[in-house]
C-alpha atoms as a PDB file:
ATOM      1  CA  MET A   1       2.990  -9.894  13.548  1.00  0.00           C
ATOM      2  CA  GLU A   2       2.440  -6.850  11.241  1.00  0.00           C
ATOM      3  CA  PHE A   3      -0.734  -6.398   9.372  1.00  0.00           C
ATOM      4  CA  TYR A   4      -1.320  -4.182   6.301  1.00  0.00           C
ATOM      5  CA  ASP A   5      -4.811  -2.348   5.191  1.00  0.00           C
ATOM      6  CA  VAL A   6      -6.324  -4.038   2.202  1.00  0.00           C
ATOM      7  CA  ALA A   7     -10.033  -2.696   2.251  1.00  0.00           C
ATOM      8  CA  LYS A   8     -12.661  -0.971   4.073  1.00  0.00           C
ATOM      9  CA  ILE A   9     -16.035  -2.523   4.358  1.00  0.00           C
ATOM     10  CA  LEU A  10     -18.613  -0.270   3.309  1.00  0.00           C
ATOM     11  CA  THR A  11     -21.950  -2.194   3.341  1.00  0.00           C
ATOM     12  CA  THR A  12     -23.829  -5.361   2.650  1.00  0.00           C
ATOM     13  CA  HIS A  13     -24.873  -6.393  -0.745  1.00  0.00           C
ATOM     14  CA  GLY A  14     -27.722  -9.029  -1.232  1.00  0.00           C
ATOM     15  CA  LEU A  15     -28.991 -11.354   1.347  1.00  0.00           C
ATOM     16  CA  ASN A  16     -26.220 -14.019   1.397  1.00  0.00           C
ATOM     17  CA  GLY A  17     -23.507 -12.283   3.349  1.00  0.00           C
ATOM     18  CA  GLU A  18     -21.652 -10.481   0.387  1.00  0.00           C
ATOM     19  CA  ILE A  19     -20.173  -7.262   1.144  1.00  0.00           C
ATOM     20  CA  LYS A  20     -18.962  -4.130  -0.833  1.00  0.00           C
ATOM     21  CA  VAL A  21     -15.667  -3.019   0.023  1.00  0.00           C
ATOM     22  CA  SER A  22     -13.506  -0.059  -1.068  1.00  0.00           C
ATOM     23  CA  ALA A  23     -10.065  -1.534  -1.900  1.00  0.00           C
ATOM     24  CA  ILE A  24      -6.804  -0.036  -0.135  1.00  0.00           C
ATOM     25  CA  THR A  25      -4.386  -2.272  -2.357  1.00  0.00           C
ATOM     26  CA  ASP A  26      -2.563  -2.027  -5.556  1.00  0.00           C
ATOM     27  CA  PHE A  27      -3.658  -5.787  -5.951  1.00  0.00           C
ATOM     28  CA  PRO A  28      -7.200  -6.314  -5.499  1.00  0.00           C
ATOM     29  CA  GLU A  29      -7.536  -9.441  -7.876  1.00  0.00           C
ATOM     30  CA  GLU A  30      -4.979 -11.217  -5.688  1.00  0.00           C
ATOM     31  CA  ARG A  31      -6.195  -9.889  -2.084  1.00  0.00           C
ATOM     32  CA  PHE A  32      -9.710 -11.005  -2.979  1.00  0.00           C
ATOM     33  CA  GLU A  33      -9.128 -14.302  -4.592  1.00  0.00           C
ATOM     34  CA  PRO A  34     -10.994 -17.251  -3.589  1.00  0.00           C
ATOM     35  CA  GLY A  35      -9.200 -19.055  -0.654  1.00  0.00           C
ATOM     36  CA  VAL A  36      -7.029 -15.859   0.421  1.00  0.00           C
ATOM     37  CA  VAL A  37      -7.276 -15.319   4.304  1.00  0.00           C
ATOM     38  CA  LEU A  38      -7.869 -11.837   5.544  1.00  0.00           C
ATOM     39  CA  HIS A  39      -8.110 -10.401   9.069  1.00  0.00           C
ATOM     40  CA  LEU A  40     -10.161  -7.806  10.717  1.00  0.00           C
ATOM     41  CA  LYS A  41      -8.103  -4.807  11.852  1.00  0.00           C
ATOM     42  CA  GLN A  42      -9.794  -4.435  15.340  1.00  0.00           C
ATOM     43  CA  ASP A  43      -9.222  -8.034  15.860  1.00  0.00           C
ATOM     44  CA  PRO A  44      -6.500  -9.708  13.798  1.00  0.00           C
ATOM     45  CA  THR A  45      -7.299 -13.075  15.217  1.00  0.00           C
ATOM     46  CA  LYS A  46     -10.492 -13.284  13.332  1.00  0.00           C
ATOM     47  CA  GLN A  47      -9.871 -14.834  10.070  1.00  0.00           C
ATOM     48  CA  LEU A  48     -12.086 -14.417   6.928  1.00  0.00           C
ATOM     49  CA  THR A  49     -11.540 -16.611   4.048  1.00  0.00           C
ATOM     50  CA  VAL A  50     -12.589 -15.200   0.565  1.00  0.00           C
ATOM     51  CA  LYS A  51     -15.370 -17.546  -1.022  1.00  0.00           C
ATOM     52  CA  SER A  52     -15.863 -15.338  -4.180  1.00  0.00           C
ATOM     53  CA  SER A  53     -15.183 -11.754  -5.344  1.00  0.00           C
ATOM     54  CA  ARG A  54     -15.716  -9.502  -8.294  1.00  0.00           C
ATOM     55  CA  PRO A  55     -15.379  -5.940  -9.435  1.00  0.00           C
ATOM     56  CA  PHE A  56     -18.378  -3.651  -8.834  1.00  0.00           C
ATOM     57  CA  LYS A  57     -18.218  -0.313 -10.192  1.00  0.00           C
ATOM     58  CA  GLN A  58     -15.271   1.416  -8.504  1.00  0.00           C
ATOM     59  CA  PHE A  59     -15.673  -1.066  -5.509  1.00  0.00           C
ATOM     60  CA  TRP A  60     -15.460  -4.783  -4.995  1.00  0.00           C
ATOM     61  CA  LEU A  61     -18.079  -7.350  -4.043  1.00  0.00           C
ATOM     62  CA  VAL A  62     -16.638 -10.057  -1.713  1.00  0.00           C
ATOM     63  CA  GLN A  63     -18.154 -12.874   0.096  1.00  0.00           C
ATOM     64  CA  PHE A  64     -16.493 -15.031   2.921  1.00  0.00           C
ATOM     65  CA  ASP A  65     -16.837 -18.424   3.949  1.00  0.00           C
ATOM     66  CA  GLU A  66     -17.348 -17.383   7.615  1.00  0.00           C
ATOM     67  CA  VAL A  67     -20.215 -14.887   6.467  1.00  0.00           C
ATOM     68  CA  PRO A  68     -23.332 -16.679   5.353  1.00  0.00           C
ATOM     69  CA  SER A  69     -25.988 -14.010   5.863  1.00  0.00           C
ATOM     70  CA  ILE A  70     -26.859 -10.367   5.770  1.00  0.00           C
ATOM     71  CA  GLU A  71     -27.014 -10.382   9.603  1.00  0.00           C
ATOM     72  CA  GLU A  72     -23.407 -11.627   9.835  1.00  0.00           C
ATOM     73  CA  ALA A  73     -22.226  -9.170   6.983  1.00  0.00           C
ATOM     74  CA  GLU A  74     -23.877  -6.159   8.779  1.00  0.00           C
ATOM     75  CA  LYS A  75     -21.749  -6.705  11.971  1.00  0.00           C
ATOM     76  CA  LEU A  76     -18.643  -5.970   9.564  1.00  0.00           C
ATOM     77  CA  ARG A  77     -19.724  -2.678   8.224  1.00  0.00           C
ATOM     78  CA  GLY A  78     -17.138   0.049   8.751  1.00  0.00           C
ATOM     79  CA  GLN A  79     -14.388  -2.377   9.506  1.00  0.00           C
ATOM     80  CA  ILE A  80     -11.013  -2.446   7.896  1.00  0.00           C
ATOM     81  CA  LEU A  81      -9.565  -5.695   6.219  1.00  0.00           C
ATOM     82  CA  VAL A  82      -6.007  -6.442   6.580  1.00  0.00           C
ATOM     83  CA  ILE A  83      -3.472  -8.997   5.472  1.00  0.00           C
ATOM     84  CA  SER A  84      -0.814 -10.557   7.705  1.00  0.00           C
ATOM     85  CA  GLU A  85       3.141  -9.635   6.716  1.00  0.00           C
ATOM     86  CA  ALA A  86       3.438 -13.380   5.951  1.00  0.00           C
ATOM     87  CA  ASP A  87       0.799 -13.370   3.518  1.00  0.00           C
ATOM     88  CA  ARG A  88       2.085 -10.230   1.658  1.00  0.00           C
ATOM     89  CA  GLN A  89       3.260 -11.168  -2.010  1.00  0.00           C
ATOM     90  CA  GLU A  90       6.616 -10.605  -3.315  1.00  0.00           C
ATOM     91  CA  LEU A  91       7.056  -7.787  -5.668  1.00  0.00           C
ATOM     92  CA  PRO A  92       8.816  -7.540  -9.038  1.00  0.00           C
ATOM     93  CA  GLU A  93      12.123  -5.987  -9.030  1.00  0.00           C
ATOM     94  CA  GLY A  94      11.897  -2.231  -8.994  1.00  0.00           C
ATOM     95  CA  MET A  95       8.526  -2.237  -7.154  1.00  0.00           C
ATOM     96  CA  TYR A  96       8.303  -1.433  -3.413  1.00  0.00           C
ATOM     97  CA  TYR A  97       5.906  -1.356  -0.653  1.00  0.00           C
ATOM     98  CA  TYR A  98       5.188   2.045   0.646  1.00  0.00           C
ATOM     99  CA  LYS A  99       5.935   0.915   4.098  1.00  0.00           C
ATOM    100  CA  ASP A 100       9.557   0.045   2.783  1.00  0.00           C
ATOM    101  CA  ILE A 101      10.124   3.290   1.053  1.00  0.00           C
ATOM    102  CA  LEU A 102       9.038   5.533   3.770  1.00  0.00           C
ATOM    103  CA  ASP A 103      11.521   7.045   6.230  1.00  0.00           C
ATOM    104  CA  CYS A 104      14.468   5.966   3.766  1.00  0.00           C
ATOM    105  CA  GLN A 105      17.444   8.270   3.705  1.00  0.00           C
ATOM    106  CA  VAL A 106      18.134   9.924   0.369  1.00  0.00           C
ATOM    107  CA  LYS A 107      21.633  10.093  -0.790  1.00  0.00           C
ATOM    108  CA  ASP A 108      23.681  11.612  -3.693  1.00  0.00           C
ATOM    109  CA  ASN A 109      24.612   8.713  -5.894  1.00  0.00           C
ATOM    110  CA  GLU A 110      27.941  10.025  -6.707  1.00  0.00           C
ATOM    111  CA  THR A 111      29.125  11.652  -3.289  1.00  0.00           C
ATOM    112  CA  ASP A 112      27.274   9.632  -1.025  1.00  0.00           C
ATOM    113  CA  LYS A 113      26.053  12.906   0.756  1.00  0.00           C
ATOM    114  CA  LEU A 114      22.945  12.803   2.779  1.00  0.00           C
ATOM    115  CA  ILE A 115      20.186  14.811   1.073  1.00  0.00           C
ATOM    116  CA  GLY A 116      17.258  14.160   3.446  1.00  0.00           C
ATOM    117  CA  LYS A 117      14.688  11.328   3.844  1.00  0.00           C
ATOM    118  CA  ILE A 118      11.535  10.189   2.296  1.00  0.00           C
ATOM    119  CA  VAL A 119       8.509  11.351   4.394  1.00  0.00           C
ATOM    120  CA  GLU A 120       5.466  10.810   2.085  1.00  0.00           C
ATOM    121  CA  ILE A 121       4.479   8.996  -1.182  1.00  0.00           C
ATOM    122  CA  GLU A 122       1.890   9.944  -3.707  1.00  0.00           C
ATOM    123  CA  SER A 123       0.679   8.133  -6.998  1.00  0.00           C
ATOM    124  CA  PRO A 124      -0.702  11.073  -9.298  1.00  0.00           C
ATOM    125  CA  GLY A 125      -0.199   9.171 -12.725  1.00  0.00           C
ATOM    126  CA  ALA A 126       2.365   7.504 -14.611  1.00  0.00           C
ATOM    127  CA  ASN A 127       4.834   7.052 -11.694  1.00  0.00           C
ATOM    128  CA  ASP A 128       5.077   7.539  -7.988  1.00  0.00           C
ATOM    129  CA  ILE A 129       6.589  10.868  -6.521  1.00  0.00           C
ATOM    130  CA  TRP A 130       8.136  10.683  -3.198  1.00  0.00           C
ATOM    131  CA  LEU A 131       8.462  13.732  -0.743  1.00  0.00           C
ATOM    132  CA  VAL A 132      11.859  14.389   0.514  1.00  0.00           C
ATOM    133  CA  ARG A 133      12.521  16.366   3.621  1.00  0.00           C
ATOM    134  CA  GLU A 134      15.999  17.843   3.342  1.00  0.00           C
ATOM    135  CA  THR A 135      18.339  18.048   6.435  1.00  0.00           C
ATOM    136  CA  ASP A 136      17.605  21.767   6.462  1.00  0.00           C
ATOM    137  CA  GLY A 137      13.738  21.023   6.863  1.00  0.00           C
ATOM    138  CA  LYS A 138      12.892  22.085   3.117  1.00  0.00           C
ATOM    139  CA  GLU A 139      10.878  19.775   1.097  1.00  0.00           C
ATOM    140  CA  PHE A 140      10.851  18.756  -2.494  1.00  0.00           C
ATOM    141  CA  TRP A 141       9.115  15.940  -4.688  1.00  0.00           C
ATOM    142  CA  LEU A 142      11.236  13.257  -6.258  1.00  0.00           C
ATOM    143  CA  PRO A 143       9.912  11.450  -9.105  1.00  0.00           C
ATOM    144  CA  TYR A 144      10.421   7.666  -9.016  1.00  0.00           C
ATOM    145  CA  ILE A 145      11.999   7.396 -12.489  1.00  0.00           C
ATOM    146  CA  ASP A 146      15.310   5.661 -13.812  1.00  0.00           C
ATOM    147  CA  GLN A 147      16.802   9.053 -14.650  1.00  0.00           C
ATOM    148  CA  VAL A 148      16.583  10.236 -10.976  1.00  0.00           C
ATOM    149  CA  VAL A 149      16.488   6.790  -8.624  1.00  0.00           C
ATOM    150  CA  LYS A 150      19.615   5.064  -9.291  1.00  0.00           C
ATOM    151  CA  LYS A 151      19.460   2.458  -6.623  1.00  0.00           C
ATOM    152  CA  VAL A 152      17.057   1.403  -3.691  1.00  0.00           C
ATOM    153  CA  ASP A 153      18.384  -0.395  -1.078  1.00  0.00           C
ATOM    154  CA  ILE A 154      15.594  -1.492   1.256  1.00  0.00           C
ATOM    155  CA  ALA A 155      17.711  -3.599   3.769  1.00  0.00           C
ATOM    156  CA  ASN A 156      19.802  -0.415   4.767  1.00  0.00           C
ATOM    157  CA  LYS A 157      16.739   2.072   4.089  1.00  0.00           C
ATOM    158  CA  VAL A 158      18.682   4.157   1.699  1.00  0.00           C
ATOM    159  CA  VAL A 159      17.744   5.429  -1.661  1.00  0.00           C
ATOM    160  CA  TYR A 160      20.534   6.698  -4.137  1.00  0.00           C
ATOM    161  CA  VAL A 161      19.545   9.440  -6.304  1.00  0.00           C
ATOM    162  CA  GLU A 162      20.793  11.697  -9.263  1.00  0.00           C
ATOM    163  CA  LEU A 163      18.973  15.002  -9.127  1.00  0.00           C
ATOM    164  CA  MET A 164      18.173  16.636 -12.080  1.00  0.00           C
ATOM    165  CA  GLU A 165      18.234  20.451 -12.350  1.00  0.00           C
ATOM    166  CA  GLY A 166      15.264  22.055 -11.017  1.00  0.00           C
ATOM    167  CA  LEU A 167      13.931  19.513  -8.663  1.00  0.00           C
ATOM    168  CA  ARG A 168      15.109  21.571  -5.660  1.00  0.00           C
ATOM    169  CA  ASP A 169      14.614  24.852  -4.770  1.00  0.00           C
ATOM    170  CA  GLU A 170      18.340  25.770  -4.406  1.00  0.00           C
ATOM    171  CA  ASP A 171      19.258  29.481  -3.262  1.00  0.00           C
END
């Protein structure tokens, strides 16, 4: 079974087993909802059921059913919380998990010509940008906007694009 990082456990908070975490997810409200089962990356067989959670500054405070005391919480410090593939939620149309986009081939929408593949993703603001490594080794950033990305075929790991002038360094 595959697992995906959700948060890093930073420290304890209070005496009743509550912990402070740094979220590594776009969906902290859903991931830390009471009843959700998370796992430890070091030992995915260890299950932790969210008892309660709340935002706290830029972090989250989470309490688990299986962690009733500060002593138990202290043992989790520095560990990574993960969610199983089976518990990953479906995304709305037009949204994708990074793991599904990474390594996709990028092809011209009109000619079907291979341009390169997506090797990195960043989220600097309004929309994600995808780093495309061309077949000749050059790289350029591709904005994930409707004017450029015409079709995403996750099943076949292909993204069809219509490149705007100036996106690539063309000799």
